[in-house]
Amino acid sequence: MKQDTFELRSTDEFIELVKLLKLKQIAQSGGHAKFMVEEGLVQVNGVLESRKRKKLRPGDKVELEEITIEILGSSKRKAD
């Protein structure tokens, strides 16, 4: 299984599931990403995810096919 990560920008609290799939080039388009979720091909934290706009936050793990992507917080995030 391939392990990968996605680091949120310092200005972002989350990324939506379909946007992650598109940005990581797992899906060819936004429509393809939605199809993957609708078809039950994606798990978040070990649970089948059906929400296309599921908000992914640091610590979340997305699994599909032979890929696991861990969401990381920005190392440049300012303390509030």
PDB file of N, CA and C in Angstrom:
ATOM      1  N   MET A   1       0.844  -1.190   0.000  1.00  0.00           N
ATOM      2  CA  MET A   1       0.000   0.000   0.000  1.00  0.00           C
ATOM      3  C   MET A   1       0.881   1.242   0.000  1.00  0.00           C
ATOM      4  N   LYS A   2       0.531   2.200  -0.841  1.00  0.00           N
ATOM      5  CA  LYS A   2       1.277   3.454  -0.940  1.00  0.00           C
ATOM      6  C   LYS A   2       0.821   4.410   0.157  1.00  0.00           C
ATOM      7  N   GLN A   3       1.766   4.992   0.862  1.00  0.00           N
ATOM      8  CA  GLN A   3       1.484   5.977   1.909  1.00  0.00           C
ATOM      9  C   GLN A   3       1.784   7.362   1.353  1.00  0.00           C
ATOM     10  N   ASP A   4       0.904   8.326   1.591  1.00  0.00           N
ATOM     11  CA  ASP A   4       1.096   9.683   1.115  1.00  0.00           C
ATOM     12  C   ASP A   4       0.572  10.637   2.178  1.00  0.00           C
ATOM     13  N   THR A   5       0.898  11.908   2.033  1.00  0.00           N
ATOM     14  CA  THR A   5       0.405  12.926   2.964  1.00  0.00           C
ATOM     15  C   THR A   5      -0.095  14.128   2.177  1.00  0.00           C
ATOM     16  N   PHE A   6      -0.905  14.934   2.836  1.00  0.00           N
ATOM     17  CA  PHE A   6      -1.347  16.210   2.291  1.00  0.00           C
ATOM     18  C   PHE A   6      -1.284  17.210   3.418  1.00  0.00           C
ATOM     19  N   GLU A   7      -0.514  18.272   3.229  1.00  0.00           N
ATOM     20  CA  GLU A   7      -0.380  19.300   4.268  1.00  0.00           C
ATOM     21  C   GLU A   7      -1.296  20.469   3.945  1.00  0.00           C
ATOM     22  N   LEU A   8      -2.160  20.790   4.908  1.00  0.00           N
ATOM     23  CA  LEU A   8      -3.054  21.931   4.743  1.00  0.00           C
ATOM     24  C   LEU A   8      -2.245  23.219   4.707  1.00  0.00           C
ATOM     25  N   ARG A   9      -2.729  24.200   3.971  1.00  0.00           N
ATOM     26  CA  ARG A   9      -2.098  25.518   3.983  1.00  0.00           C
ATOM     27  C   ARG A   9      -2.328  26.153   5.349  1.00  0.00           C
ATOM     28  N   SER A  10      -1.498  27.079   5.714  1.00  0.00           N
ATOM     29  CA  SER A  10      -1.599  27.708   7.034  1.00  0.00           C
ATOM     30  C   SER A  10      -2.916  28.443   7.219  1.00  0.00           C
ATOM     31  N   THR A  11      -3.569  28.819   6.132  1.00  0.00           N
ATOM     32  CA  THR A  11      -4.839  29.546   6.215  1.00  0.00           C
ATOM     33  C   THR A  11      -6.053  28.622   6.221  1.00  0.00           C
ATOM     34  N   ASP A  12      -5.854  27.326   6.035  1.00  0.00           N
ATOM     35  CA  ASP A  12      -6.969  26.378   5.938  1.00  0.00           C
ATOM     36  C   ASP A  12      -7.107  25.519   7.183  1.00  0.00           C
ATOM     37  N   GLU A  13      -8.364  25.299   7.600  1.00  0.00           N
ATOM     38  CA  GLU A  13      -8.654  24.397   8.710  1.00  0.00           C
ATOM     39  C   GLU A  13      -8.944  22.989   8.204  1.00  0.00           C
ATOM     40  N   PHE A  14      -9.396  22.872   6.951  1.00  0.00           N
ATOM     41  CA  PHE A  14      -9.798  21.590   6.389  1.00  0.00           C
ATOM     42  C   PHE A  14      -9.707  21.638   4.873  1.00  0.00           C
ATOM     43  N   ILE A  15      -9.844  20.462   4.252  1.00  0.00           N
ATOM     44  CA  ILE A  15     -10.016  20.347   2.805  1.00  0.00           C
ATOM     45  C   ILE A  15     -11.162  19.369   2.578  1.00  0.00           C
ATOM     46  N   GLU A  16     -11.987  19.653   1.584  1.00  0.00           N
ATOM     47  CA  GLU A  16     -13.095  18.758   1.271  1.00  0.00           C
ATOM     48  C   GLU A  16     -12.568  17.520   0.560  1.00  0.00           C
ATOM     49  N   LEU A  17     -13.217  16.391   0.811  1.00  0.00           N
ATOM     50  CA  LEU A  17     -12.783  15.100   0.288  1.00  0.00           C
ATOM     51  C   LEU A  17     -12.591  15.110  -1.230  1.00  0.00           C
ATOM     52  N   VAL A  18     -13.587  15.586  -1.980  1.00  0.00           N
ATOM     53  CA  VAL A  18     -13.465  15.558  -3.439  1.00  0.00           C
ATOM     54  C   VAL A  18     -12.331  16.455  -3.930  1.00  0.00           C
ATOM     55  N   LYS A  19     -12.090  17.557  -3.234  1.00  0.00           N
ATOM     56  CA  LYS A  19     -10.989  18.449  -3.624  1.00  0.00           C
ATOM     57  C   LYS A  19      -9.641  17.764  -3.398  1.00  0.00           C
ATOM     58  N   LEU A  20      -9.532  17.014  -2.308  1.00  0.00           N
ATOM     59  CA  LEU A  20      -8.298  16.281  -2.038  1.00  0.00           C
ATOM     60  C   LEU A  20      -8.030  15.254  -3.142  1.00  0.00           C
ATOM     61  N   LEU A  21      -9.053  14.500  -3.509  1.00  0.00           N
ATOM     62  CA  LEU A  21      -8.889  13.476  -4.545  1.00  0.00           C
ATOM     63  C   LEU A  21      -8.452  14.095  -5.871  1.00  0.00           C
ATOM     64  N   LYS A  22      -8.978  15.270  -6.176  1.00  0.00           N
ATOM     65  CA  LYS A  22      -8.610  15.950  -7.417  1.00  0.00           C
ATOM     66  C   LYS A  22      -7.188  16.522  -7.319  1.00  0.00           C
ATOM     67  N   LEU A  23      -6.864  17.191  -6.211  1.00  0.00           N
ATOM     68  CA  LEU A  23      -5.536  17.793  -6.046  1.00  0.00           C
ATOM     69  C   LEU A  23      -4.420  16.753  -6.046  1.00  0.00           C
ATOM     70  N   LYS A  24      -4.675  15.592  -5.461  1.00  0.00           N
ATOM     71  CA  LYS A  24      -3.669  14.523  -5.407  1.00  0.00           C
ATOM     72  C   LYS A  24      -3.641  13.725  -6.710  1.00  0.00           C
ATOM     73  N   GLN A  25      -4.447  14.138  -7.675  1.00  0.00           N
ATOM     74  CA  GLN A  25      -4.535  13.513  -8.997  1.00  0.00           C
ATOM     75  C   GLN A  25      -4.926  12.036  -8.930  1.00  0.00           C
ATOM     76  N   ILE A  26      -5.728  11.709  -7.933  1.00  0.00           N
ATOM     77  CA  ILE A  26      -6.300  10.363  -7.832  1.00  0.00           C
ATOM     78  C   ILE A  26      -7.534  10.313  -8.730  1.00  0.00           C
ATOM     79  N   ALA A  27      -8.282  11.415  -8.736  1.00  0.00           N
ATOM     80  CA  ALA A  27      -9.430  11.568  -9.632  1.00  0.00           C
ATOM     81  C   ALA A  27      -9.022  12.480 -10.781  1.00  0.00           C
ATOM     82  N   GLN A  28      -9.540  12.193 -11.960  1.00  0.00           N
ATOM     83  CA  GLN A  28      -9.196  12.979 -13.151  1.00  0.00           C
ATOM     84  C   GLN A  28      -9.911  14.320 -13.189  1.00  0.00           C
ATOM     85  N   SER A  29     -11.033  14.407 -12.457  1.00  0.00           N
ATOM     86  CA  SER A  29     -11.822  15.638 -12.438  1.00  0.00           C
ATOM     87  C   SER A  29     -12.661  15.648 -11.165  1.00  0.00           C
ATOM     88  N   GLY A  30     -13.340  16.763 -10.944  1.00  0.00           N
ATOM     89  CA  GLY A  30     -14.243  16.836  -9.800  1.00  0.00           C
ATOM     90  C   GLY A  30     -15.377  15.832  -9.916  1.00  0.00           C
ATOM     91  N   GLY A  31     -15.880  15.660 -11.140  1.00  0.00           N
ATOM     92  CA  GLY A  31     -16.950  14.679 -11.367  1.00  0.00           C
ATOM     93  C   GLY A  31     -16.484  13.265 -11.100  1.00  0.00           C
ATOM     94  N   HIS A  32     -15.266  12.967 -11.492  1.00  0.00           N
ATOM     95  CA  HIS A  32     -14.698  11.638 -11.236  1.00  0.00           C
ATOM     96  C   HIS A  32     -14.540  11.417  -9.734  1.00  0.00           C
ATOM     97  N   ALA A  33     -14.103  12.446  -9.013  1.00  0.00           N
ATOM     98  CA  ALA A  33     -13.949  12.343  -7.553  1.00  0.00           C
ATOM     99  C   ALA A  33     -15.301  12.060  -6.895  1.00  0.00           C
ATOM    100  N   LYS A  34     -16.342  12.761  -7.339  1.00  0.00           N
ATOM    101  CA  LYS A  34     -17.687  12.540  -6.789  1.00  0.00           C
ATOM    102  C   LYS A  34     -18.151  11.115  -7.066  1.00  0.00           C
ATOM    103  N   PHE A  35     -17.884  10.636  -8.277  1.00  0.00           N
ATOM    104  CA  PHE A  35     -18.250   9.273  -8.655  1.00  0.00           C
ATOM    105  C   PHE A  35     -17.562   8.261  -7.734  1.00  0.00           C
ATOM    106  N   MET A  36     -16.279   8.467  -7.458  1.00  0.00           N
ATOM    107  CA  MET A  36     -15.528   7.547  -6.595  1.00  0.00           C
ATOM    108  C   MET A  36     -16.160   7.451  -5.208  1.00  0.00           C
ATOM    109  N   VAL A  37     -16.580   8.601  -4.673  1.00  0.00           N
ATOM    110  CA  VAL A  37     -17.211   8.614  -3.348  1.00  0.00           C
ATOM    111  C   VAL A  37     -18.582   7.939  -3.429  1.00  0.00           C
ATOM    112  N   GLU A  38     -19.379   8.292  -4.436  1.00  0.00           N
ATOM    113  CA  GLU A  38     -20.722   7.702  -4.596  1.00  0.00           C
ATOM    114  C   GLU A  38     -20.674   6.194  -4.745  1.00  0.00           C
ATOM    115  N   GLU A  39     -19.630   5.671  -5.396  1.00  0.00           N
ATOM    116  CA  GLU A  39     -19.505   4.238  -5.633  1.00  0.00           C
ATOM    117  C   GLU A  39     -18.950   3.473  -4.427  1.00  0.00           C
ATOM    118  N   GLY A  40     -18.658   4.186  -3.347  1.00  0.00           N
ATOM    119  CA  GLY A  40     -18.176   3.523  -2.139  1.00  0.00           C
ATOM    120  C   GLY A  40     -16.726   3.081  -2.210  1.00  0.00           C
ATOM    121  N   LEU A  41     -15.912   3.831  -2.930  1.00  0.00           N
ATOM    122  CA  LEU A  41     -14.510   3.469  -3.101  1.00  0.00           C
ATOM    123  C   LEU A  41     -13.585   4.140  -2.091  1.00  0.00           C
ATOM    124  N   VAL A  42     -14.133   5.033  -1.254  1.00  0.00           N
ATOM    125  CA  VAL A  42     -13.299   5.847  -0.372  1.00  0.00           C
ATOM    126  C   VAL A  42     -13.676   5.629   1.090  1.00  0.00           C
ATOM    127  N   GLN A  43     -12.664   5.459   1.919  1.00  0.00           N
ATOM    128  CA  GLN A  43     -12.855   5.373   3.364  1.00  0.00           C
ATOM    129  C   GLN A  43     -12.117   6.527   4.024  1.00  0.00           C
ATOM    130  N   VAL A  44     -12.698   7.044   5.098  1.00  0.00           N
ATOM    131  CA  VAL A  44     -12.032   8.061   5.915  1.00  0.00           C
ATOM    132  C   VAL A  44     -11.957   7.504   7.326  1.00  0.00           C
ATOM    133  N   ASN A  45     -10.753   7.411   7.839  1.00  0.00           N
ATOM    134  CA  ASN A  45     -10.513   6.863   9.184  1.00  0.00           C
ATOM    135  C   ASN A  45     -11.124   5.472   9.348  1.00  0.00           C
ATOM    136  N   GLY A  46     -11.012   4.671   8.291  1.00  0.00           N
ATOM    137  CA  GLY A  46     -11.462   3.285   8.343  1.00  0.00           C
ATOM    138  C   GLY A  46     -12.944   3.066   8.148  1.00  0.00           C
ATOM    139  N   VAL A  47     -13.697   4.137   7.852  1.00  0.00           N
ATOM    140  CA  VAL A  47     -15.145   4.041   7.678  1.00  0.00           C
ATOM    141  C   VAL A  47     -15.505   4.488   6.262  1.00  0.00           C
ATOM    142  N   LEU A  48     -16.350   3.708   5.598  1.00  0.00           N
ATOM    143  CA  LEU A  48     -16.811   4.064   4.258  1.00  0.00           C
ATOM    144  C   LEU A  48     -17.440   5.452   4.295  1.00  0.00           C
ATOM    145  N   GLU A  49     -16.990   6.337   3.415  1.00  0.00           N
ATOM    146  CA  GLU A  49     -17.469   7.733   3.425  1.00  0.00           C
ATOM    147  C   GLU A  49     -18.331   8.008   2.202  1.00  0.00           C
ATOM    148  N   SER A  50     -19.545   8.518   2.439  1.00  0.00           N
ATOM    149  CA  SER A  50     -20.465   8.813   1.343  1.00  0.00           C
ATOM    150  C   SER A  50     -20.656  10.312   1.137  1.00  0.00           C
ATOM    151  N   ARG A  51     -20.088  11.129   2.018  1.00  0.00           N
ATOM    152  CA  ARG A  51     -20.227  12.588   1.894  1.00  0.00           C
ATOM    153  C   ARG A  51     -19.097  13.138   1.015  1.00  0.00           C
ATOM    154  N   LYS A  52     -19.469  13.670  -0.130  1.00  0.00           N
ATOM    155  CA  LYS A  52     -18.472  14.185  -1.079  1.00  0.00           C
ATOM    156  C   LYS A  52     -17.721  15.379  -0.511  1.00  0.00           C
ATOM    157  N   ARG A  53     -18.401  16.168   0.268  1.00  0.00           N
ATOM    158  CA  ARG A  53     -17.792  17.380   0.817  1.00  0.00           C
ATOM    159  C   ARG A  53     -17.338  17.203   2.268  1.00  0.00           C
ATOM    160  N   LYS A  54     -17.099  15.975   2.664  1.00  0.00           N
ATOM    161  CA  LYS A  54     -16.595  15.671   4.006  1.00  0.00           C
ATOM    162  C   LYS A  54     -15.368  16.544   4.279  1.00  0.00           C
ATOM    163  N   LYS A  55     -15.364  17.232   5.411  1.00  0.00           N
ATOM    164  CA  LYS A  55     -14.246  18.100   5.778  1.00  0.00           C
ATOM    165  C   LYS A  55     -13.146  17.257   6.413  1.00  0.00           C
ATOM    166  N   LEU A  56     -12.001  17.252   5.775  1.00  0.00           N
ATOM    167  CA  LEU A  56     -10.855  16.497   6.274  1.00  0.00           C
ATOM    168  C   LEU A  56      -9.952  17.441   7.057  1.00  0.00           C
ATOM    169  N   ARG A  57      -9.601  17.019   8.260  1.00  0.00           N
ATOM    170  CA  ARG A  57      -8.778  17.842   9.151  1.00  0.00           C
ATOM    171  C   ARG A  57      -7.505  17.086   9.516  1.00  0.00           C
ATOM    172  N   PRO A  58      -6.531  17.794  10.089  1.00  0.00           N
ATOM    173  CA  PRO A  58      -5.284  17.111  10.466  1.00  0.00           C
ATOM    174  C   PRO A  58      -5.551  15.851  11.290  1.00  0.00           C
ATOM    175  N   GLY A  59      -4.866  14.784  10.937  1.00  0.00           N
ATOM    176  CA  GLY A  59      -5.025  13.498  11.615  1.00  0.00           C
ATOM    177  C   GLY A  59      -5.934  12.534  10.884  1.00  0.00           C
ATOM    178  N   ASP A  60      -6.776  13.043   9.985  1.00  0.00           N
ATOM    179  CA  ASP A  60      -7.660  12.169   9.209  1.00  0.00           C
ATOM    180  C   ASP A  60      -6.843  11.357   8.206  1.00  0.00           C
ATOM    181  N   LYS A  61      -7.309  10.142   7.919  1.00  0.00           N
ATOM    182  CA  LYS A  61      -6.664   9.281   6.926  1.00  0.00           C
ATOM    183  C   LYS A  61      -7.693   8.860   5.894  1.00  0.00           C
ATOM    184  N   VAL A  62      -7.353   9.100   4.635  1.00  0.00           N
ATOM    185  CA  VAL A  62      -8.214   8.733   3.503  1.00  0.00           C
ATOM    186  C   VAL A  62      -7.614   7.495   2.859  1.00  0.00           C
ATOM    187  N   GLU A  63      -8.451   6.483   2.638  1.00  0.00           N
ATOM    188  CA  GLU A  63      -7.978   5.234   2.033  1.00  0.00           C
ATOM    189  C   GLU A  63      -8.832   4.893   0.827  1.00  0.00           C
ATOM    190  N   LEU A  64      -8.163   4.531  -0.268  1.00  0.00           N
ATOM    191  CA  LEU A  64      -8.841   4.034  -1.444  1.00  0.00           C
ATOM    192  C   LEU A  64      -7.839   3.287  -2.295  1.00  0.00           C
ATOM    193  N   GLU A  65      -8.352   2.272  -2.971  1.00  0.00           N
ATOM    194  CA  GLU A  65      -7.508   1.404  -3.780  1.00  0.00           C
ATOM    195  C   GLU A  65      -6.286   0.993  -2.955  1.00  0.00           C
ATOM    196  N   GLU A  66      -5.108   1.304  -3.398  1.00  0.00           N
ATOM    197  CA  GLU A  66      -3.885   0.934  -2.679  1.00  0.00           C
ATOM    198  C   GLU A  66      -3.181   2.160  -2.114  1.00  0.00           C
ATOM    199  N   ILE A  67      -3.953   3.215  -1.795  1.00  0.00           N
ATOM    200  CA  ILE A  67      -3.373   4.479  -1.338  1.00  0.00           C
ATOM    201  C   ILE A  67      -3.962   4.880   0.006  1.00  0.00           C
ATOM    202  N   THR A  68      -3.107   5.353   0.914  1.00  0.00           N
ATOM    203  CA  THR A  68      -3.537   5.967   2.161  1.00  0.00           C
ATOM    204  C   THR A  68      -2.935   7.367   2.210  1.00  0.00           C
ATOM    205  N   ILE A  69      -3.792   8.365   2.437  1.00  0.00           N
ATOM    206  CA  ILE A  69      -3.333   9.751   2.515  1.00  0.00           C
ATOM    207  C   ILE A  69      -3.647  10.278   3.905  1.00  0.00           C
ATOM    208  N   GLU A  70      -2.632  10.740   4.605  1.00  0.00           N
ATOM    209  CA  GLU A  70      -2.829  11.338   5.928  1.00  0.00           C
ATOM    210  C   GLU A  70      -2.838  12.852   5.786  1.00  0.00           C
ATOM    211  N   ILE A  71      -3.815  13.485   6.432  1.00  0.00           N
ATOM    212  CA  ILE A  71      -3.927  14.939   6.402  1.00  0.00           C
ATOM    213  C   ILE A  71      -3.082  15.507   7.531  1.00  0.00           C
ATOM    214  N   LEU A  72      -2.207  16.437   7.175  1.00  0.00           N
ATOM    215  CA  LEU A  72      -1.320  17.073   8.140  1.00  0.00           C
ATOM    216  C   LEU A  72      -1.699  18.535   8.300  1.00  0.00           C
ATOM    217  N   GLY A  73      -1.490  19.076   9.514  1.00  0.00           N
ATOM    218  CA  GLY A  73      -1.663  20.496   9.730  1.00  0.00           C
ATOM    219  C   GLY A  73      -0.451  21.222   9.191  1.00  0.00           C
ATOM    220  N   SER A  74      -0.617  22.472   8.883  1.00  0.00           N
ATOM    221  CA  SER A  74       0.501  23.252   8.374  1.00  0.00           C
ATOM    222  C   SER A  74       1.548  23.461   9.453  1.00  0.00           C
ATOM    223  N   SER A  75       2.793  23.280   9.115  1.00  0.00           N
ATOM    224  CA  SER A  75       3.876  23.511  10.058  1.00  0.00           C
ATOM    225  C   SER A  75       4.103  25.008  10.257  1.00  0.00           C
ATOM    226  N   LYS A  76       3.458  25.816   9.407  1.00  0.00           N
ATOM    227  CA  LYS A  76       3.651  27.266   9.476  1.00  0.00           C
ATOM    228  C   LYS A  76       2.455  27.959  10.119  1.00  0.00           C
ATOM    229  N   ARG A  77       1.524  27.181  10.663  1.00  0.00           N
ATOM    230  CA  ARG A  77       0.318  27.748  11.250  1.00  0.00           C
ATOM    231  C   ARG A  77       0.668  28.625  12.451  1.00  0.00           C
ATOM    232  N   LYS A  78       0.070  29.805  12.480  1.00  0.00           N
ATOM    233  CA  LYS A  78       0.351  30.757  13.564  1.00  0.00           C
ATOM    234  C   LYS A  78      -0.498  30.409  14.780  1.00  0.00           C
ATOM    235  N   ALA A  79       0.073  30.580  15.953  1.00  0.00           N
ATOM    236  CA  ALA A  79      -0.666  30.357  17.184  1.00  0.00           C
ATOM    237  C   ALA A  79      -1.620  31.527  17.393  1.00  0.00           C
ATOM    238  N   ASP A  80      -2.863  31.227  17.734  1.00  0.00           N
ATOM    239  CA  ASP A  80      -3.854  32.297  17.953  1.00  0.00           C
ATOM    240  C   ASP A  80      -3.942  32.679  19.409  1.00  0.00           C
TER     241      ASP A  80
END
